[in-house]
C-alpha atoms as a PDB file:
ATOM      1  CA  UNK A   1     -23.264   9.784 -11.973  1.00  0.00           C
ATOM      2  CA  UNK A   2     -22.090   8.707  -8.525  1.00  0.00           C
ATOM      3  CA  UNK A   3     -20.072  11.487  -6.639  1.00  0.00           C
ATOM      4  CA  UNK A   4     -16.598  10.462  -6.568  1.00  0.00           C
ATOM      5  CA  UNK A   5     -15.562  11.428  -3.166  1.00  0.00           C
ATOM      6  CA  UNK A   6     -18.453   9.011  -1.697  1.00  0.00           C
ATOM      7  CA  UNK A   7     -16.920   6.180  -3.527  1.00  0.00           C
ATOM      8  CA  UNK A   8     -13.629   6.887  -2.629  1.00  0.00           C
ATOM      9  CA  UNK A   9     -14.749   6.839   1.213  1.00  0.00           C
ATOM     10  CA  UNK A  10     -16.542   3.341   0.311  1.00  0.00           C
ATOM     11  CA  UNK A  11     -13.359   2.186  -0.925  1.00  0.00           C
ATOM     12  CA  UNK A  12     -11.319   3.645   1.841  1.00  0.00           C
ATOM     13  CA  UNK A  13     -13.097   1.999   4.292  1.00  0.00           C
ATOM     14  CA  UNK A  14     -13.293  -1.372   2.602  1.00  0.00           C
ATOM     15  CA  UNK A  15      -9.516  -1.110   2.218  1.00  0.00           C
ATOM     16  CA  UNK A  16      -9.167  -0.170   5.909  1.00  0.00           C
ATOM     17  CA  UNK A  17     -10.694  -3.620   7.197  1.00  0.00           C
ATOM     18  CA  UNK A  18      -7.191  -5.124   6.811  1.00  0.00           C
ATOM     19  CA  UNK A  19      -5.888  -3.336  10.140  1.00  0.00           C
ATOM     20  CA  UNK A  20      -8.819  -5.148  11.974  1.00  0.00           C
ATOM     21  CA  UNK A  21      -6.725  -8.646  11.438  1.00  0.00           C
ATOM     22  CA  UNK A  22      -3.165  -7.180  11.982  1.00  0.00           C
ATOM     23  CA  UNK A  23      -0.716  -8.521  14.875  1.00  0.00           C
ATOM     24  CA  UNK A  24       0.552  -5.601  17.060  1.00  0.00           C
ATOM     25  CA  UNK A  25       3.937  -5.951  15.358  1.00  0.00           C
ATOM     26  CA  UNK A  26       2.355  -5.559  11.934  1.00  0.00           C
ATOM     27  CA  UNK A  27       0.496  -2.592  13.255  1.00  0.00           C
ATOM     28  CA  UNK A  28       3.723  -1.177  14.562  1.00  0.00           C
ATOM     29  CA  UNK A  29       5.285  -1.640  11.022  1.00  0.00           C
ATOM     30  CA  UNK A  30       2.682  -0.102   9.107  1.00  0.00           C
ATOM     31  CA  UNK A  31       2.931   2.840  11.414  1.00  0.00           C
ATOM     32  CA  UNK A  32       6.500   3.306  11.059  1.00  0.00           C
ATOM     33  CA  UNK A  33       6.314   2.883   7.142  1.00  0.00           C
ATOM     34  CA  UNK A  34       3.550   5.557   7.120  1.00  0.00           C
ATOM     35  CA  UNK A  35       5.719   8.139   8.945  1.00  0.00           C
ATOM     36  CA  UNK A  36       8.604   7.247   6.731  1.00  0.00           C
ATOM     37  CA  UNK A  37       6.457   8.125   3.587  1.00  0.00           C
ATOM     38  CA  UNK A  38       5.332  11.353   5.139  1.00  0.00           C
ATOM     39  CA  UNK A  39       8.176  12.550   6.507  1.00  0.00           C
ATOM     40  CA  UNK A  40       9.996  12.047   3.002  1.00  0.00           C
ATOM     41  CA  UNK A  41       7.056  14.054   1.410  1.00  0.00           C
ATOM     42  CA  UNK A  42       7.513  16.865   4.229  1.00  0.00           C
ATOM     43  CA  UNK A  43      11.248  16.808   3.875  1.00  0.00           C
ATOM     44  CA  UNK A  44      11.404  17.909   0.052  1.00  0.00           C
ATOM     45  CA  UNK A  45      11.565  21.058  -1.053  1.00  0.00           C
ATOM     46  CA  UNK A  46      11.659  23.256  -4.250  1.00  0.00           C
ATOM     47  CA  UNK A  47      12.585  21.224  -6.919  1.00  0.00           C
ATOM     48  CA  UNK A  48      12.900  17.912  -4.978  1.00  0.00           C
ATOM     49  CA  UNK A  49       9.111  17.756  -5.281  1.00  0.00           C
ATOM     50  CA  UNK A  50       7.324  16.612  -8.148  1.00  0.00           C
ATOM     51  CA  UNK A  51       3.588  15.798  -9.439  1.00  0.00           C
ATOM     52  CA  UNK A  52       4.707  12.212  -9.309  1.00  0.00           C
ATOM     53  CA  UNK A  53       5.614  12.600  -5.426  1.00  0.00           C
ATOM     54  CA  UNK A  54       2.039  12.822  -4.512  1.00  0.00           C
ATOM     55  CA  UNK A  55       1.630   9.330  -6.300  1.00  0.00           C
ATOM     56  CA  UNK A  56       4.487   7.932  -4.608  1.00  0.00           C
ATOM     57  CA  UNK A  57       2.834   8.414  -1.200  1.00  0.00           C
ATOM     58  CA  UNK A  58      -0.618   7.486  -2.232  1.00  0.00           C
ATOM     59  CA  UNK A  59       1.220   4.030  -3.247  1.00  0.00           C
ATOM     60  CA  UNK A  60       1.932   3.297   0.409  1.00  0.00           C
ATOM     61  CA  UNK A  61      -2.081   2.877   1.304  1.00  0.00           C
ATOM     62  CA  UNK A  62      -3.233  -0.586   0.799  1.00  0.00           C
ATOM     63  CA  UNK A  63      -5.668   0.772  -2.236  1.00  0.00           C
ATOM     64  CA  UNK A  64      -2.554   2.234  -3.857  1.00  0.00           C
ATOM     65  CA  UNK A  65      -2.888   5.375  -6.483  1.00  0.00           C
ATOM     66  CA  UNK A  66      -6.300   3.987  -7.207  1.00  0.00           C
ATOM     67  CA  UNK A  67      -7.501   6.085 -10.573  1.00  0.00           C
ATOM     68  CA  UNK A  68     -10.821   5.488  -9.731  1.00  0.00           C
ATOM     69  CA  UNK A  69     -10.818   8.262  -6.934  1.00  0.00           C
ATOM     70  CA  UNK A  70      -7.422  10.062  -7.381  1.00  0.00           C
ATOM     71  CA  UNK A  71      -8.215  12.979  -9.654  1.00  0.00           C
ATOM     72  CA  UNK A  72      -4.626  14.707 -10.432  1.00  0.00           C
ATOM     73  CA  UNK A  73      -5.932  17.464 -12.780  1.00  0.00           C
ATOM     74  CA  UNK A  74      -5.937  20.676 -11.684  1.00  0.00           C
ATOM     75  CA  UNK A  75      -8.493  23.361 -11.097  1.00  0.00           C
ATOM     76  CA  UNK A  76      -8.938  26.250 -14.195  1.00  0.00           C
ATOM     77  CA  UNK A  77      -6.049  27.758 -14.896  1.00  0.00           C
ATOM     78  CA  UNK A  78      -7.155  31.179 -14.115  1.00  0.00           C
ATOM     79  CA  UNK A  79      -7.941  29.844 -10.531  1.00  0.00           C
ATOM     80  CA  UNK A  80      -5.045  27.706 -10.104  1.00  0.00           C
ATOM     81  CA  UNK A  81      -2.687  30.439 -10.521  1.00  0.00           C
ATOM     82  CA  UNK A  82      -4.783  32.755  -8.218  1.00  0.00           C
ATOM     83  CA  UNK A  83      -4.105  29.956  -5.790  1.00  0.00           C
ATOM     84  CA  UNK A  84      -0.616  29.517  -6.782  1.00  0.00           C
ATOM     85  CA  UNK A  85      -0.051  33.425  -6.139  1.00  0.00           C
ATOM     86  CA  UNK A  86      -1.630  33.290  -2.700  1.00  0.00           C
ATOM     87  CA  UNK A  87       0.762  29.931  -1.685  1.00  0.00           C
ATOM     88  CA  UNK A  88       3.735  31.595  -2.994  1.00  0.00           C
ATOM     89  CA  UNK A  89       2.910  34.858  -1.181  1.00  0.00           C
ATOM     90  CA  UNK A  90       2.438  33.085   2.272  1.00  0.00           C
ATOM     91  CA  UNK A  91       5.247  30.718   1.619  1.00  0.00           C
ATOM     92  CA  UNK A  92       7.778  33.751   1.009  1.00  0.00           C
ATOM     93  CA  UNK A  93       6.870  36.176   3.964  1.00  0.00           C
ATOM     94  CA  UNK A  94       8.845  36.470   7.025  1.00  0.00           C
ATOM     95  CA  UNK A  95       6.419  33.924   8.676  1.00  0.00           C
ATOM     96  CA  UNK A  96       8.122  31.792  11.407  1.00  0.00           C
ATOM     97  CA  UNK A  97       7.088  28.223  11.243  1.00  0.00           C
ATOM     98  CA  UNK A  98       5.485  28.450  14.594  1.00  0.00           C
ATOM     99  CA  UNK A  99       3.394  31.533  12.910  1.00  0.00           C
ATOM    100  CA  UNK A 100       2.507  29.493  10.274  1.00  0.00           C
ATOM    101  CA  UNK A 101       1.396  26.501  12.189  1.00  0.00           C
ATOM    102  CA  UNK A 102      -0.755  28.596  14.569  1.00  0.00           C
ATOM    103  CA  UNK A 103      -2.054  30.182  11.328  1.00  0.00           C
ATOM    104  CA  UNK A 104      -3.233  27.202  10.054  1.00  0.00           C
ATOM    105  CA  UNK A 105      -4.654  25.803  12.971  1.00  0.00           C
ATOM    106  CA  UNK A 106      -6.684  29.038  13.169  1.00  0.00           C
ATOM    107  CA  UNK A 107      -8.177  28.872   9.645  1.00  0.00           C
ATOM    108  CA  UNK A 108      -8.749  24.941   9.793  1.00  0.00           C
ATOM    109  CA  UNK A 109     -10.659  25.467  12.789  1.00  0.00           C
ATOM    110  CA  UNK A 110     -13.014  28.334  11.324  1.00  0.00           C
ATOM    111  CA  UNK A 111     -13.621  25.812   8.517  1.00  0.00           C
ATOM    112  CA  UNK A 112     -16.988  23.950   8.688  1.00  0.00           C
ATOM    113  CA  UNK A 113     -16.723  20.608   6.921  1.00  0.00           C
ATOM    114  CA  UNK A 114     -19.642  18.512   6.838  1.00  0.00           C
ATOM    115  CA  UNK A 115     -19.921  14.616   5.885  1.00  0.00           C
END
């Protein structure tokens, strides 16, 4: 069976070819559309956010919420709950937004991604 991540990357490369033919004003409009959608997603808090919001965000992409490479299923329950506990712990501490962003950048720089 093909690796869904690799298939998804091939699809993304193919659909992003549309950018090459866009005029400057079209690129500008595309950037504004993406920024608006990301800010809307970012600004949702608590009960304002739902699993459907991820799909809404994916829909702004040229390929939309293509089920061939979007897997909305959660990991096994015990692993998910452990991660949720960590998430809640990080979000309910006295961590300032500045400290949280700095922590993110530090943890991200320690990751080693292989593509």
